[in-house]
């Protein structure tokens, strides 16, 4: 697995595909990123599974 991974996922607000650059080397993390299409805030959760050399990304609407 590379240190940076590009993932194309659907925005939880508008449903459009967005491209996220994931920093796999930083480990499990959560952060806010704005949708490049509708500009709404997205809560990004990234889990790293080093044993399986894999990762999982969850996108949710940011709570007000």
PDB file of N, CA and C in Angstrom:
ATOM      1  N   UNK A   1       0.852  -1.173   0.000  1.00  0.00           N
ATOM      2  CA  UNK A   1       0.000   0.000   0.000  1.00  0.00           C
ATOM      3  C   UNK A   1       0.899   1.238   0.000  1.00  0.00           C
ATOM      4  N   UNK A   2       0.562   2.213  -0.837  1.00  0.00           N
ATOM      5  CA  UNK A   2       1.341   3.433  -0.941  1.00  0.00           C
ATOM      6  C   UNK A   2       0.989   4.375   0.212  1.00  0.00           C
ATOM      7  N   UNK A   3       1.858   5.380   0.456  1.00  0.00           N
ATOM      8  CA  UNK A   3       1.615   6.363   1.514  1.00  0.00           C
ATOM      9  C   UNK A   3       0.404   7.225   1.193  1.00  0.00           C
ATOM     10  N   UNK A   4       0.210   7.556  -0.078  1.00  0.00           N
ATOM     11  CA  UNK A   4      -0.949   8.336  -0.510  1.00  0.00           C
ATOM     12  C   UNK A   4      -1.769   7.516  -1.487  1.00  0.00           C
ATOM     13  N   UNK A   5      -3.065   7.488  -1.255  1.00  0.00           N
ATOM     14  CA  UNK A   5      -3.984   6.762  -2.130  1.00  0.00           C
ATOM     15  C   UNK A   5      -5.049   7.727  -2.630  1.00  0.00           C
ATOM     16  N   UNK A   6      -5.413   7.615  -3.893  1.00  0.00           N
ATOM     17  CA  UNK A   6      -6.493   8.408  -4.462  1.00  0.00           C
ATOM     18  C   UNK A   6      -7.754   7.550  -4.478  1.00  0.00           C
ATOM     19  N   UNK A   7      -8.831   8.091  -3.910  1.00  0.00           N
ATOM     20  CA  UNK A   7     -10.092   7.354  -3.853  1.00  0.00           C
ATOM     21  C   UNK A   7     -11.203   8.207  -4.449  1.00  0.00           C
ATOM     22  N   UNK A   8     -12.029   7.611  -5.298  1.00  0.00           N
ATOM     23  CA  UNK A   8     -13.192   8.286  -5.855  1.00  0.00           C
ATOM     24  C   UNK A   8     -14.423   7.743  -5.141  1.00  0.00           C
ATOM     25  N   UNK A   9     -15.125   8.640  -4.452  1.00  0.00           N
ATOM     26  CA  UNK A   9     -16.278   8.268  -3.639  1.00  0.00           C
ATOM     27  C   UNK A   9     -17.429   9.224  -3.929  1.00  0.00           C
ATOM     28  N   UNK A  10     -18.620   8.894  -3.471  1.00  0.00           N
ATOM     29  CA  UNK A  10     -19.800   9.748  -3.683  1.00  0.00           C
ATOM     30  C   UNK A  10     -19.980  10.692  -2.502  1.00  0.00           C
ATOM     31  N   UNK A  11     -20.236  11.945  -2.794  1.00  0.00           N
ATOM     32  CA  UNK A  11     -20.516  12.940  -1.758  1.00  0.00           C
ATOM     33  C   UNK A  11     -21.818  12.556  -1.055  1.00  0.00           C
ATOM     34  N   UNK A  12     -21.851  12.587   0.283  1.00  0.00           N
ATOM     35  CA  UNK A  12     -23.083  12.248   0.993  1.00  0.00           C
ATOM     36  C   UNK A  12     -24.157  13.339   0.893  1.00  0.00           C
ATOM     37  N   UNK A  13     -23.801  14.513   0.376  1.00  0.00           N
ATOM     38  CA  UNK A  13     -24.770  15.603   0.207  1.00  0.00           C
ATOM     39  C   UNK A  13     -25.400  15.572  -1.187  1.00  0.00           C
ATOM     40  N   UNK A  14     -24.565  15.651  -2.219  1.00  0.00           N
ATOM     41  CA  UNK A  14     -25.083  15.784  -3.589  1.00  0.00           C
ATOM     42  C   UNK A  14     -25.019  14.484  -4.394  1.00  0.00           C
ATOM     43  N   UNK A  15     -24.280  13.486  -3.903  1.00  0.00           N
ATOM     44  CA  UNK A  15     -24.194  12.205  -4.589  1.00  0.00           C
ATOM     45  C   UNK A  15     -23.214  12.163  -5.748  1.00  0.00           C
ATOM     46  N   UNK A  16     -22.593  13.302  -6.054  1.00  0.00           N
ATOM     47  CA  UNK A  16     -21.633  13.349  -7.160  1.00  0.00           C
ATOM     48  C   UNK A  16     -20.318  12.677  -6.764  1.00  0.00           C
ATOM     49  N   UNK A  17     -19.607  12.091  -7.730  1.00  0.00           N
ATOM     50  CA  UNK A  17     -18.301  11.514  -7.414  1.00  0.00           C
ATOM     51  C   UNK A  17     -17.283  12.608  -7.098  1.00  0.00           C
ATOM     52  N   UNK A  18     -16.506  12.376  -6.032  1.00  0.00           N
ATOM     53  CA  UNK A  18     -15.436  13.295  -5.656  1.00  0.00           C
ATOM     54  C   UNK A  18     -14.162  12.487  -5.457  1.00  0.00           C
ATOM     55  N   UNK A  19     -13.030  13.111  -5.689  1.00  0.00           N
ATOM     56  CA  UNK A  19     -11.743  12.448  -5.541  1.00  0.00           C
ATOM     57  C   UNK A  19     -11.082  12.947  -4.258  1.00  0.00           C
ATOM     58  N   UNK A  20     -10.718  12.006  -3.389  1.00  0.00           N
ATOM     59  CA  UNK A  20     -10.018  12.336  -2.150  1.00  0.00           C
ATOM     60  C   UNK A  20      -8.615  11.759  -2.204  1.00  0.00           C
ATOM     61  N   UNK A  21      -7.641  12.520  -1.738  1.00  0.00           N
ATOM     62  CA  UNK A  21      -6.268  12.045  -1.607  1.00  0.00           C
ATOM     63  C   UNK A  21      -6.093  11.639  -0.152  1.00  0.00           C
ATOM     64  N   UNK A  22      -5.943  10.348   0.103  1.00  0.00           N
ATOM     65  CA  UNK A  22      -5.885   9.808   1.459  1.00  0.00           C
ATOM     66  C   UNK A  22      -4.439   9.585   1.879  1.00  0.00           C
ATOM     67  N   UNK A  23      -4.084  10.099   3.053  1.00  0.00           N
ATOM     68  CA  UNK A  23      -2.738   9.947   3.608  1.00  0.00           C
ATOM     69  C   UNK A  23      -2.713   8.679   4.459  1.00  0.00           C
ATOM     70  N   UNK A  24      -2.442   7.557   3.822  1.00  0.00           N
ATOM     71  CA  UNK A  24      -2.461   6.252   4.481  1.00  0.00           C
ATOM     72  C   UNK A  24      -1.372   6.151   5.540  1.00  0.00           C
ATOM     73  N   UNK A  25      -0.231   6.779   5.312  1.00  0.00           N
ATOM     74  CA  UNK A  25       0.912   6.696   6.226  1.00  0.00           C
ATOM     75  C   UNK A  25       0.608   7.314   7.586  1.00  0.00           C
ATOM     76  N   UNK A  26      -0.369   8.223   7.661  1.00  0.00           N
ATOM     77  CA  UNK A  26      -0.707   8.883   8.929  1.00  0.00           C
ATOM     78  C   UNK A  26      -1.598   8.027   9.823  1.00  0.00           C
ATOM     79  N   UNK A  27      -2.042   6.888   9.340  1.00  0.00           N
ATOM     80  CA  UNK A  27      -2.853   5.986  10.142  1.00  0.00           C
ATOM     81  C   UNK A  27      -4.321   6.381  10.180  1.00  0.00           C
ATOM     82  N   UNK A  28      -5.058   5.753  11.093  1.00  0.00           N
ATOM     83  CA  UNK A  28      -6.484   5.996  11.244  1.00  0.00           C
ATOM     84  C   UNK A  28      -6.713   7.451  11.623  1.00  0.00           C
ATOM     85  N   UNK A  29      -7.708   8.080  10.987  1.00  0.00           N
ATOM     86  CA  UNK A  29      -7.936   9.508  11.207  1.00  0.00           C
ATOM     87  C   UNK A  29      -9.358   9.905  10.833  1.00  0.00           C
ATOM     88  N   UNK A  30      -9.769  11.066  11.332  1.00  0.00           N
ATOM     89  CA  UNK A  30     -11.051  11.695  10.986  1.00  0.00           C
ATOM     90  C   UNK A  30     -10.786  13.166  10.733  1.00  0.00           C
ATOM     91  N   UNK A  31     -11.435  13.709   9.716  1.00  0.00           N
ATOM     92  CA  UNK A  31     -11.264  15.124   9.402  1.00  0.00           C
ATOM     93  C   UNK A  31     -12.440  15.596   8.561  1.00  0.00           C
ATOM     94  N   UNK A  32     -12.527  16.914   8.387  1.00  0.00           N
ATOM     95  CA  UNK A  32     -13.580  17.542   7.595  1.00  0.00           C
ATOM     96  C   UNK A  32     -12.980  18.024   6.283  1.00  0.00           C
ATOM     97  N   UNK A  33     -13.666  17.705   5.188  1.00  0.00           N
ATOM     98  CA  UNK A  33     -13.244  18.173   3.863  1.00  0.00           C
ATOM     99  C   UNK A  33     -14.488  18.620   3.103  1.00  0.00           C
ATOM    100  N   UNK A  34     -14.379  19.731   2.391  1.00  0.00           N
ATOM    101  CA  UNK A  34     -15.512  20.229   1.610  1.00  0.00           C
ATOM    102  C   UNK A  34     -15.620  19.488   0.289  1.00  0.00           C
ATOM    103  N   UNK A  35     -16.864  19.219  -0.124  1.00  0.00           N
ATOM    104  CA  UNK A  35     -17.120  18.591  -1.419  1.00  0.00           C
ATOM    105  C   UNK A  35     -16.653  19.537  -2.522  1.00  0.00           C
ATOM    106  N   UNK A  36     -15.946  19.023  -3.498  1.00  0.00           N
ATOM    107  CA  UNK A  36     -15.455  19.844  -4.605  1.00  0.00           C
ATOM    108  C   UNK A  36     -16.569  20.218  -5.585  1.00  0.00           C
ATOM    109  N   UNK A  37     -17.743  19.592  -5.459  1.00  0.00           N
ATOM    110  CA  UNK A  37     -18.870  19.884  -6.346  1.00  0.00           C
ATOM    111  C   UNK A  37     -19.860  20.847  -5.682  1.00  0.00           C
ATOM    112  N   UNK A  38     -20.382  20.487  -4.488  1.00  0.00           N
ATOM    113  CA  UNK A  38     -21.419  21.296  -3.839  1.00  0.00           C
ATOM    114  C   UNK A  38     -20.904  22.149  -2.679  1.00  0.00           C
ATOM    115  N   UNK A  39     -19.634  21.990  -2.334  1.00  0.00           N
ATOM    116  CA  UNK A  39     -18.963  22.783  -1.281  1.00  0.00           C
ATOM    117  C   UNK A  39     -19.487  22.533   0.132  1.00  0.00           C
ATOM    118  N   UNK A  40     -20.287  21.487   0.342  1.00  0.00           N
ATOM    119  CA  UNK A  40     -20.781  21.157   1.681  1.00  0.00           C
ATOM    120  C   UNK A  40     -19.692  20.410   2.456  1.00  0.00           C
ATOM    121  N   UNK A  41     -19.630  20.585   3.788  1.00  0.00           N
ATOM    122  CA  UNK A  41     -18.618  19.890   4.590  1.00  0.00           C
ATOM    123  C   UNK A  41     -18.931  18.403   4.734  1.00  0.00           C
ATOM    124  N   UNK A  42     -17.901  17.588   4.595  1.00  0.00           N
ATOM    125  CA  UNK A  42     -18.022  16.132   4.696  1.00  0.00           C
ATOM    126  C   UNK A  42     -17.116  15.660   5.825  1.00  0.00           C
ATOM    127  N   UNK A  43     -17.662  14.825   6.706  1.00  0.00           N
ATOM    128  CA  UNK A  43     -16.858  14.207   7.758  1.00  0.00           C
ATOM    129  C   UNK A  43     -16.255  12.926   7.181  1.00  0.00           C
ATOM    130  N   UNK A  44     -14.934  12.919   7.036  1.00  0.00           N
ATOM    131  CA  UNK A  44     -14.212  11.786   6.463  1.00  0.00           C
ATOM    132  C   UNK A  44     -13.600  10.972   7.600  1.00  0.00           C
ATOM    133  N   UNK A  45     -13.886   9.675   7.654  1.00  0.00           N
ATOM    134  CA  UNK A  45     -13.269   8.769   8.614  1.00  0.00           C
ATOM    135  C   UNK A  45     -12.480   7.730   7.829  1.00  0.00           C
ATOM    136  N   UNK A  46     -11.215   7.591   8.170  1.00  0.00           N
ATOM    137  CA  UNK A  46     -10.319   6.660   7.483  1.00  0.00           C
ATOM    138  C   UNK A  46      -9.767   5.674   8.506  1.00  0.00           C
ATOM    139  N   UNK A  47      -9.981   4.389   8.265  1.00  0.00           N
ATOM    140  CA  UNK A  47      -9.452   3.330   9.120  1.00  0.00           C
ATOM    141  C   UNK A  47      -8.416   2.552   8.329  1.00  0.00           C
ATOM    142  N   UNK A  48      -7.278   2.313   8.949  1.00  0.00           N
ATOM    143  CA  UNK A  48      -6.185   1.573   8.319  1.00  0.00           C
ATOM    144  C   UNK A  48      -6.107   0.186   8.939  1.00  0.00           C
ATOM    145  N   UNK A  49      -6.054  -0.842   8.105  1.00  0.00           N
ATOM    146  CA  UNK A  49      -5.863  -2.224   8.551  1.00  0.00           C
ATOM    147  C   UNK A  49      -4.494  -2.666   8.041  1.00  0.00           C
ATOM    148  N   UNK A  50      -3.477  -2.525   8.899  1.00  0.00           N
ATOM    149  CA  UNK A  50      -2.110  -2.854   8.490  1.00  0.00           C
ATOM    150  C   UNK A  50      -1.916  -4.359   8.284  1.00  0.00           C
ATOM    151  N   UNK A  51      -2.664  -5.167   9.020  1.00  0.00           N
ATOM    152  CA  UNK A  51      -2.540  -6.618   8.872  1.00  0.00           C
ATOM    153  C   UNK A  51      -2.993  -7.077   7.495  1.00  0.00           C
ATOM    154  N   UNK A  52      -4.073  -6.483   6.987  1.00  0.00           N
ATOM    155  CA  UNK A  52      -4.607  -6.844   5.682  1.00  0.00           C
ATOM    156  C   UNK A  52      -4.061  -5.946   4.574  1.00  0.00           C
ATOM    157  N   UNK A  53      -3.229  -4.948   4.951  1.00  0.00           N
ATOM    158  CA  UNK A  53      -2.694  -3.977   3.992  1.00  0.00           C
ATOM    159  C   UNK A  53      -3.835  -3.341   3.204  1.00  0.00           C
ATOM    160  N   UNK A  54      -4.838  -2.852   3.956  1.00  0.00           N
ATOM    161  CA  UNK A  54      -6.053  -2.300   3.351  1.00  0.00           C
ATOM    162  C   UNK A  54      -6.538  -1.113   4.175  1.00  0.00           C
ATOM    163  N   UNK A  55      -7.523  -0.403   3.659  1.00  0.00           N
ATOM    164  CA  UNK A  55      -8.120   0.722   4.378  1.00  0.00           C
ATOM    165  C   UNK A  55      -9.611   0.794   4.062  1.00  0.00           C
ATOM    166  N   UNK A  56     -10.339   1.527   4.912  1.00  0.00           N
ATOM    167  CA  UNK A  56     -11.774   1.735   4.728  1.00  0.00           C
ATOM    168  C   UNK A  56     -12.055   3.213   4.940  1.00  0.00           C
ATOM    169  N   UNK A  57     -12.875   3.807   4.068  1.00  0.00           N
ATOM    170  CA  UNK A  57     -13.234   5.214   4.164  1.00  0.00           C
ATOM    171  C   UNK A  57     -14.741   5.328   4.315  1.00  0.00           C
ATOM    172  N   UNK A  58     -15.180   6.171   5.250  1.00  0.00           N
ATOM    173  CA  UNK A  58     -16.596   6.435   5.469  1.00  0.00           C
ATOM    174  C   UNK A  58     -16.815   7.934   5.332  1.00  0.00           C
ATOM    175  N   UNK A  59     -17.769   8.336   4.492  1.00  0.00           N
ATOM    176  CA  UNK A  59     -18.113   9.747   4.307  1.00  0.00           C
ATOM    177  C   UNK A  59     -19.508   9.986   4.865  1.00  0.00           C
ATOM    178  N   UNK A  60     -19.639  11.013   5.686  1.00  0.00           N
ATOM    179  CA  UNK A  60     -20.941  11.371   6.262  1.00  0.00           C
ATOM    180  C   UNK A  60     -21.134  12.872   6.204  1.00  0.00           C
ATOM    181  N   UNK A  61     -22.389  13.269   6.226  1.00  0.00           N
ATOM    182  CA  UNK A  61     -22.707  14.695   6.302  1.00  0.00           C
ATOM    183  C   UNK A  61     -22.197  15.239   7.629  1.00  0.00           C
ATOM    184  N   UNK A  62     -21.556  16.398   7.614  1.00  0.00           N
ATOM    185  CA  UNK A  62     -21.106  17.040   8.839  1.00  0.00           C
ATOM    186  C   UNK A  62     -22.314  17.548   9.599  1.00  0.00           C
ATOM    187  N   UNK A  63     -22.378  17.291  10.894  1.00  0.00           N
ATOM    188  CA  UNK A  63     -23.487  17.727  11.732  1.00  0.00           C
ATOM    189  C   UNK A  63     -23.377  19.218  12.004  1.00  0.00           C
ATOM    190  N   UNK A  64     -24.503  19.900  12.035  1.00  0.00           N
ATOM    191  CA  UNK A  64     -24.523  21.341  12.318  1.00  0.00           C
ATOM    192  C   UNK A  64     -24.186  21.597  13.769  1.00  0.00           C
TER     193      UNK A  64
END
